[in-house]
Amino acid sequence: MFKRIVFSATLLLSSCAVLANPELLSPEEANYGNFQLVETIEVKGDIDDSIAQLIRKSLRNRSGQFYAIDTIREDIRNETLTLVIKLYNEPMVLSNDQLPA
């Protein structure tokens, strides 16, 4: 089951930028870029649910321009899948007045 989730996540990462309204970021790009965190969403679903569909449904009416998948957890006992998704807006642009001296 875990292999299927990893495979689904890999497939999602390669194709989700086309499917989702907000664009997919890698967690490293989101953490080290100048992106503004808008909101963190925790999505719970059935263990057999599609990760892509869970993300698409959860981002449908959200205001972020980019998203990153922070965590994917699987609970075999309760047969649940939990995703933690972080929404971001455009990188903040610093004007010349705000640059360090």
N, C-alpha and C. Protein backbone atom coordinates (compact mmCIF):
# COMPACT_ATOMS: atom_id res chain seq x y z
N MET A 1 0.83 -1.18 0.00
CA MET A 1 0.00 0.00 0.00
C MET A 1 0.88 1.26 0.00
N PHE A 2 1.94 1.25 0.78
CA PHE A 2 2.83 2.42 0.84
C PHE A 2 3.49 2.68 -0.51
N LYS A 3 3.85 1.60 -1.22
CA LYS A 3 4.46 1.76 -2.54
C LYS A 3 3.48 2.44 -3.50
N ARG A 4 2.22 2.10 -3.37
CA ARG A 4 1.21 2.71 -4.24
C ARG A 4 1.08 4.21 -3.95
N ILE A 5 1.17 4.59 -2.68
CA ILE A 5 1.08 6.00 -2.32
C ILE A 5 2.29 6.76 -2.85
N VAL A 6 3.47 6.18 -2.71
CA VAL A 6 4.67 6.82 -3.22
C VAL A 6 4.59 6.96 -4.74
N PHE A 7 4.13 5.91 -5.41
CA PHE A 7 3.98 5.98 -6.86
C PHE A 7 2.96 7.05 -7.25
N SER A 8 1.84 7.11 -6.53
CA SER A 8 0.81 8.12 -6.81
C SER A 8 1.35 9.52 -6.60
N ALA A 9 2.13 9.71 -5.53
CA ALA A 9 2.70 11.03 -5.26
C ALA A 9 3.68 11.43 -6.35
N THR A 10 4.48 10.48 -6.82
CA THR A 10 5.42 10.76 -7.90
C THR A 10 4.68 11.13 -9.18
N LEU A 11 3.66 10.37 -9.49
CA LEU A 11 2.84 10.67 -10.66
C LEU A 11 2.17 12.03 -10.52
N LEU A 12 1.70 12.31 -9.34
CA LEU A 12 1.06 13.59 -9.06
C LEU A 12 2.02 14.74 -9.26
N LEU A 13 3.22 14.61 -8.75
CA LEU A 13 4.21 15.67 -8.88
C LEU A 13 4.56 15.95 -10.32
N SER A 14 4.55 14.93 -11.15
CA SER A 14 4.92 15.13 -12.55
C SER A 14 3.78 15.67 -13.39
N SER A 15 2.53 15.49 -12.95
CA SER A 15 1.41 15.91 -13.80
C SER A 15 0.49 16.93 -13.18
N CYS A 16 0.65 17.24 -11.92
CA CYS A 16 -0.34 18.07 -11.24
C CYS A 16 -0.28 19.54 -11.62
N ALA A 17 0.84 20.01 -12.09
CA ALA A 17 0.93 21.41 -12.49
C ALA A 17 -0.07 21.70 -13.61
N VAL A 18 -0.38 20.71 -14.41
CA VAL A 18 -1.34 20.89 -15.49
C VAL A 18 -2.77 20.78 -14.96
N LEU A 19 -2.99 19.95 -13.94
CA LEU A 19 -4.33 19.68 -13.45
C LEU A 19 -4.86 20.72 -12.47
N ALA A 20 -4.02 21.25 -11.62
CA ALA A 20 -4.47 22.11 -10.54
C ALA A 20 -4.43 23.57 -10.94
N ASN A 21 -5.33 24.35 -10.38
CA ASN A 21 -5.32 25.78 -10.61
C ASN A 21 -4.09 26.42 -9.99
N PRO A 22 -3.84 26.25 -8.67
CA PRO A 22 -2.54 26.71 -8.15
C PRO A 22 -1.44 25.81 -8.69
N GLU A 23 -0.27 26.37 -8.87
CA GLU A 23 0.85 25.60 -9.41
C GLU A 23 1.60 24.89 -8.29
N LEU A 24 2.11 23.72 -8.60
CA LEU A 24 2.85 22.91 -7.65
C LEU A 24 4.27 23.42 -7.49
N LEU A 25 4.70 23.53 -6.23
CA LEU A 25 6.08 23.88 -5.89
C LEU A 25 6.70 22.70 -5.17
N SER A 26 7.99 22.55 -5.28
CA SER A 26 8.66 21.57 -4.43
C SER A 26 8.77 22.18 -3.04
N PRO A 27 8.77 21.36 -1.99
CA PRO A 27 8.89 21.89 -0.63
C PRO A 27 10.17 22.73 -0.45
N GLU A 28 11.26 22.33 -1.08
CA GLU A 28 12.51 23.08 -0.97
C GLU A 28 12.37 24.47 -1.60
N GLU A 29 11.73 24.52 -2.75
CA GLU A 29 11.53 25.80 -3.42
C GLU A 29 10.66 26.73 -2.57
N ALA A 30 9.63 26.16 -1.95
CA ALA A 30 8.74 26.97 -1.11
C ALA A 30 9.46 27.44 0.16
N ASN A 31 10.28 26.57 0.76
CA ASN A 31 10.97 26.92 2.01
C ASN A 31 12.08 27.94 1.81
N TYR A 32 12.81 27.83 0.71
CA TYR A 32 13.97 28.69 0.51
C TYR A 32 13.71 29.86 -0.41
N GLY A 33 12.53 29.91 -1.01
CA GLY A 33 12.17 31.05 -1.84
C GLY A 33 11.56 32.14 -0.98
N ASN A 34 11.16 33.22 -1.60
CA ASN A 34 10.53 34.33 -0.88
C ASN A 34 9.02 34.27 -1.02
N PHE A 35 8.45 33.08 -0.94
CA PHE A 35 7.02 32.92 -1.08
C PHE A 35 6.32 33.26 0.23
N GLN A 36 5.13 33.81 0.11
CA GLN A 36 4.33 34.18 1.27
C GLN A 36 3.35 33.05 1.57
N LEU A 37 3.46 32.46 2.76
CA LEU A 37 2.55 31.38 3.17
C LEU A 37 1.16 31.97 3.39
N VAL A 38 0.18 31.40 2.71
CA VAL A 38 -1.20 31.87 2.82
C VAL A 38 -1.96 31.04 3.85
N GLU A 39 -1.84 29.71 3.73
CA GLU A 39 -2.61 28.84 4.61
C GLU A 39 -2.07 27.42 4.54
N THR A 40 -2.27 26.68 5.62
CA THR A 40 -1.92 25.27 5.67
C THR A 40 -3.22 24.48 5.78
N ILE A 41 -3.38 23.51 4.90
CA ILE A 41 -4.62 22.72 4.84
C ILE A 41 -4.30 21.27 5.15
N GLU A 42 -5.11 20.65 6.02
CA GLU A 42 -4.98 19.22 6.28
C GLU A 42 -6.18 18.53 5.64
N VAL A 43 -5.92 17.61 4.74
CA VAL A 43 -6.97 16.91 4.00
C VAL A 43 -6.96 15.45 4.41
N LYS A 44 -8.11 14.94 4.81
CA LYS A 44 -8.23 13.52 5.16
C LYS A 44 -9.13 12.84 4.15
N GLY A 45 -8.73 11.63 3.80
CA GLY A 45 -9.52 10.85 2.86
C GLY A 45 -9.37 9.37 3.14
N ASP A 46 -10.05 8.58 2.35
CA ASP A 46 -9.94 7.14 2.44
C ASP A 46 -8.58 6.71 1.92
N ILE A 47 -8.06 5.63 2.46
CA ILE A 47 -6.73 5.15 2.08
C ILE A 47 -6.66 4.81 0.59
N ASP A 48 -7.79 4.51 -0.02
CA ASP A 48 -7.82 4.16 -1.44
C ASP A 48 -8.10 5.35 -2.35
N ASP A 49 -8.28 6.55 -1.77
CA ASP A 49 -8.53 7.74 -2.58
C ASP A 49 -7.31 8.13 -3.39
N SER A 50 -7.54 8.78 -4.49
CA SER A 50 -6.47 9.29 -5.33
C SER A 50 -5.92 10.58 -4.70
N ILE A 51 -4.60 10.66 -4.59
CA ILE A 51 -3.97 11.85 -4.02
C ILE A 51 -4.28 13.07 -4.89
N ALA A 52 -4.23 12.90 -6.20
CA ALA A 52 -4.51 14.01 -7.12
C ALA A 52 -5.92 14.54 -6.94
N GLN A 53 -6.90 13.64 -6.77
CA GLN A 53 -8.28 14.08 -6.58
C GLN A 53 -8.47 14.77 -5.24
N LEU A 54 -7.82 14.27 -4.19
CA LEU A 54 -7.91 14.92 -2.88
C LEU A 54 -7.37 16.34 -2.94
N ILE A 55 -6.25 16.51 -3.62
CA ILE A 55 -5.64 17.83 -3.74
C ILE A 55 -6.53 18.75 -4.57
N ARG A 56 -7.01 18.25 -5.68
CA ARG A 56 -7.86 19.06 -6.56
C ARG A 56 -9.11 19.54 -5.82
N LYS A 57 -9.76 18.65 -5.08
CA LYS A 57 -10.96 19.02 -4.32
C LYS A 57 -10.64 20.03 -3.23
N SER A 58 -9.54 19.84 -2.54
CA SER A 58 -9.23 20.72 -1.42
C SER A 58 -8.77 22.11 -1.86
N LEU A 59 -8.23 22.24 -3.07
CA LEU A 59 -7.75 23.53 -3.55
C LEU A 59 -8.76 24.27 -4.42
N ARG A 60 -9.91 23.68 -4.62
CA ARG A 60 -10.90 24.23 -5.54
C ARG A 60 -11.27 25.69 -5.25
N ASN A 61 -11.55 26.04 -4.01
CA ASN A 61 -12.00 27.40 -3.66
C ASN A 61 -10.99 28.11 -2.77
N ARG A 62 -9.72 27.88 -2.99
CA ARG A 62 -8.67 28.49 -2.18
C ARG A 62 -8.00 29.62 -2.95
N SER A 63 -7.34 30.50 -2.22
CA SER A 63 -6.81 31.71 -2.85
C SER A 63 -5.31 31.68 -3.16
N GLY A 64 -4.61 30.62 -2.86
CA GLY A 64 -3.17 30.58 -3.12
C GLY A 64 -2.84 30.42 -4.59
N GLN A 65 -1.67 30.93 -4.99
CA GLN A 65 -1.21 30.81 -6.36
C GLN A 65 -0.34 29.57 -6.57
N PHE A 66 0.28 29.10 -5.49
CA PHE A 66 1.15 27.94 -5.53
C PHE A 66 0.83 27.04 -4.35
N TYR A 67 1.18 25.76 -4.45
CA TYR A 67 1.02 24.87 -3.31
C TYR A 67 2.19 23.89 -3.27
N ALA A 68 2.45 23.40 -2.07
CA ALA A 68 3.47 22.37 -1.86
C ALA A 68 2.88 21.31 -0.96
N ILE A 69 3.19 20.05 -1.26
CA ILE A 69 2.75 18.94 -0.41
C ILE A 69 3.76 18.81 0.71
N ASP A 70 3.32 19.09 1.92
CA ASP A 70 4.22 19.07 3.07
C ASP A 70 4.37 17.66 3.63
N THR A 71 3.25 16.96 3.81
CA THR A 71 3.26 15.65 4.45
C THR A 71 2.21 14.74 3.81
N ILE A 72 2.56 13.47 3.68
CA ILE A 72 1.60 12.43 3.29
C ILE A 72 1.67 11.35 4.37
N ARG A 73 0.56 11.12 5.06
CA ARG A 73 0.52 10.11 6.12
C ARG A 73 -0.57 9.08 5.80
N GLU A 74 -0.28 7.85 6.12
CA GLU A 74 -1.21 6.76 5.90
C GLU A 74 -1.44 6.05 7.23
N ASP A 75 -2.69 5.87 7.61
CA ASP A 75 -3.05 5.14 8.83
C ASP A 75 -3.75 3.85 8.39
N ILE A 76 -3.00 2.75 8.43
CA ILE A 76 -3.53 1.47 7.95
C ILE A 76 -4.65 0.96 8.85
N ARG A 77 -4.52 1.20 10.16
CA ARG A 77 -5.54 0.71 11.09
C ARG A 77 -6.90 1.33 10.81
N ASN A 78 -6.91 2.65 10.59
CA ASN A 78 -8.18 3.35 10.34
C ASN A 78 -8.48 3.52 8.85
N GLU A 79 -7.56 3.03 8.00
CA GLU A 79 -7.70 3.11 6.55
C GLU A 79 -7.94 4.54 6.08
N THR A 80 -7.10 5.47 6.59
CA THR A 80 -7.20 6.87 6.19
C THR A 80 -5.89 7.36 5.61
N LEU A 81 -6.00 8.37 4.79
CA LEU A 81 -4.87 9.03 4.16
C LEU A 81 -4.97 10.51 4.53
N THR A 82 -3.88 11.08 5.01
CA THR A 82 -3.88 12.49 5.41
C THR A 82 -2.79 13.22 4.64
N LEU A 83 -3.17 14.33 4.04
CA LEU A 83 -2.23 15.20 3.32
C LEU A 83 -2.18 16.55 4.01
N VAL A 84 -0.99 17.10 4.14
CA VAL A 84 -0.84 18.46 4.62
C VAL A 84 -0.29 19.26 3.44
N ILE A 85 -1.08 20.25 3.02
CA ILE A 85 -0.76 21.07 1.85
C ILE A 85 -0.60 22.51 2.30
N LYS A 86 0.45 23.16 1.82
CA LYS A 86 0.67 24.57 2.14
C LYS A 86 0.46 25.40 0.89
N LEU A 87 -0.35 26.45 1.04
CA LEU A 87 -0.63 27.37 -0.06
C LEU A 87 0.25 28.61 0.07
N TYR A 88 0.76 29.07 -1.07
CA TYR A 88 1.64 30.23 -1.11
C TYR A 88 1.18 31.21 -2.17
N ASN A 89 1.60 32.47 -2.02
CA ASN A 89 1.41 33.49 -3.05
C ASN A 89 2.75 33.81 -3.68
N GLU A 90 2.70 34.63 -4.73
CA GLU A 90 3.90 35.04 -5.47
C GLU A 90 5.04 35.40 -4.53
N PRO A 91 6.26 35.24 -5.02
CA PRO A 91 7.40 35.69 -4.22
C PRO A 91 7.30 37.19 -3.96
N MET A 92 7.68 37.56 -2.75
CA MET A 92 7.67 38.97 -2.39
C MET A 92 8.86 39.64 -3.07
N VAL A 93 8.61 40.75 -3.74
CA VAL A 93 9.66 41.48 -4.43
C VAL A 93 10.10 42.64 -3.53
N LEU A 94 11.38 42.73 -3.28
CA LEU A 94 11.91 43.80 -2.46
C LEU A 94 12.25 44.99 -3.34
N SER A 95 11.83 46.17 -2.91
CA SER A 95 12.22 47.38 -3.63
C SER A 95 13.63 47.77 -3.18
N ASN A 96 14.23 48.71 -3.85
CA ASN A 96 15.57 49.15 -3.49
C ASN A 96 15.63 49.70 -2.07
N ASP A 97 14.53 50.27 -1.58
CA ASP A 97 14.49 50.81 -0.22
C ASP A 97 14.53 49.71 0.83
N GLN A 98 14.07 48.52 0.50
CA GLN A 98 13.98 47.43 1.45
C GLN A 98 15.20 46.51 1.44
N LEU A 99 16.09 46.69 0.47
CA LEU A 99 17.28 45.84 0.38
C LEU A 99 18.25 46.15 1.52
N PRO A 100 18.92 45.13 2.06
CA PRO A 100 19.87 45.38 3.13
C PRO A 100 21.04 46.24 2.63
N ALA A 101 21.54 47.07 3.53
CA ALA A 101 22.65 47.97 3.16
C ALA A 101 23.96 47.24 3.06
